[in-house]
Amino acid sequence: MNETVKPSVLDDAEFHAAAESVLREGETVADLIDRSARAEVEYRREQAEFVARGLAALEEAERTGVWYSAEEVHAELRAKLEKRKAELSQ
């Protein structure tokens, strides 16, 4: 796909003014929109991967009959967090 698309927000004077009001030094509205679009694409990729991992875990649990409660998962995560905190404090 090699098509140039002009986002409709660029034609919205109110939005354009609002975008300009939050720009960082040296940044343009185009920079802001580009960075935002790239971040959204990455977010959606990560979200799709998260859902895929969840569905795979569900299939594995159904296949094996091994299930873990939320409490078990939270306890394991807390233990990992506490271990890492202890490592970092040394």
Protein backbone atom coordinates (compact mmCIF):
# COMPACT_ATOMS: atom_id res chain seq x y z
CA MET A 1 0.00 0.00 0.00
CA ASN A 2 1.67 3.15 -1.15
CA GLU A 3 -1.11 5.67 -0.88
CA THR A 4 -0.74 9.08 0.73
CA VAL A 5 -3.57 9.86 3.08
CA LYS A 6 -4.20 13.24 4.65
CA PRO A 7 -5.81 12.74 8.06
CA SER A 8 -9.12 14.61 8.33
CA VAL A 9 -7.97 16.10 11.65
CA LEU A 10 -5.65 18.37 9.66
CA ASP A 11 -8.71 20.05 8.13
CA ASP A 12 -10.29 20.63 11.56
CA ALA A 13 -9.14 24.09 12.66
CA GLU A 14 -10.19 23.57 16.29
CA PHE A 15 -8.31 20.28 16.56
CA HIS A 16 -5.29 21.73 14.79
CA ALA A 17 -5.16 24.62 17.27
CA ALA A 18 -5.54 22.21 20.20
CA ALA A 19 -2.74 20.03 18.82
CA GLU A 20 -0.48 23.04 18.35
CA SER A 21 -1.11 24.09 21.94
CA VAL A 22 0.44 20.89 23.31
CA LEU A 23 3.43 20.56 20.99
CA ARG A 24 6.87 20.18 22.51
CA GLU A 25 9.70 22.44 21.44
CA GLY A 26 10.67 21.75 17.84
CA GLU A 27 7.73 19.41 17.27
CA THR A 28 5.16 19.82 14.49
CA VAL A 29 1.56 18.69 14.31
CA ALA A 30 2.68 16.18 11.67
CA ASP A 31 5.29 14.82 14.11
CA LEU A 32 2.62 14.47 16.80
CA ILE A 33 0.22 12.68 14.48
CA ASP A 34 2.97 10.40 13.14
CA ARG A 35 4.13 9.43 16.64
CA SER A 36 0.53 8.89 17.77
CA ALA A 37 -0.29 6.69 14.79
CA ARG A 38 2.83 4.59 15.29
CA ALA A 39 2.05 4.18 18.99
CA GLU A 40 -1.50 3.08 18.16
CA VAL A 41 -0.27 0.51 15.64
CA GLU A 42 2.15 -0.91 18.24
CA TYR A 43 -0.60 -0.95 20.89
CA ARG A 44 -2.92 -2.87 18.59
CA ARG A 45 -0.19 -5.40 17.74
CA GLU A 46 0.50 -5.96 21.42
CA GLN A 47 -3.21 -6.23 22.15
CA ALA A 48 -3.67 -8.84 19.40
CA GLU A 49 -0.71 -10.83 20.73
CA PHE A 50 -2.13 -10.65 24.27
CA VAL A 51 -5.49 -11.99 23.10
CA ALA A 52 -3.76 -14.75 21.12
CA ARG A 53 -1.76 -15.81 24.21
CA GLY A 54 -4.94 -15.82 26.28
CA LEU A 55 -6.80 -17.97 23.77
CA ALA A 56 -3.84 -20.36 23.56
CA ALA A 57 -3.78 -20.62 27.37
CA LEU A 58 -7.51 -21.34 27.40
CA GLU A 59 -7.09 -24.09 24.82
CA GLU A 60 -4.21 -25.58 26.84
CA ALA A 61 -6.25 -25.51 30.05
CA GLU A 62 -9.19 -27.15 28.32
CA ARG A 63 -6.91 -29.76 26.78
CA THR A 64 -5.06 -30.63 29.98
CA GLY A 65 -7.74 -29.88 32.56
CA VAL A 66 -5.19 -27.85 34.55
CA TRP A 67 -6.64 -24.54 35.73
CA TYR A 68 -5.24 -21.86 38.03
CA SER A 69 -7.31 -19.51 40.16
CA ALA A 70 -6.77 -15.76 40.06
CA GLU A 71 -5.51 -15.98 43.64
CA GLU A 72 -2.84 -18.51 42.63
CA VAL A 73 -1.70 -16.38 39.72
CA HIS A 74 -1.63 -13.21 41.82
CA ALA A 75 0.35 -14.96 44.56
CA GLU A 76 2.92 -16.15 42.02
CA LEU A 77 3.23 -12.68 40.51
CA ARG A 78 3.57 -11.09 43.98
CA ALA A 79 6.34 -13.55 44.83
CA LYS A 80 8.20 -12.71 41.61
CA LEU A 81 7.79 -9.00 42.29
CA GLU A 82 9.06 -9.30 45.87
CA LYS A 83 12.03 -11.39 44.72
CA ARG A 84 12.94 -8.79 42.08
CA LYS A 85 12.56 -5.92 44.56
CA ALA A 86 14.91 -7.73 46.95
CA GLU A 87 17.46 -8.24 44.16
CA LEU A 88 17.35 -4.58 43.22
CA SER A 89 17.71 -3.34 46.78
CA GLN A 90 21.02 -5.19 47.24
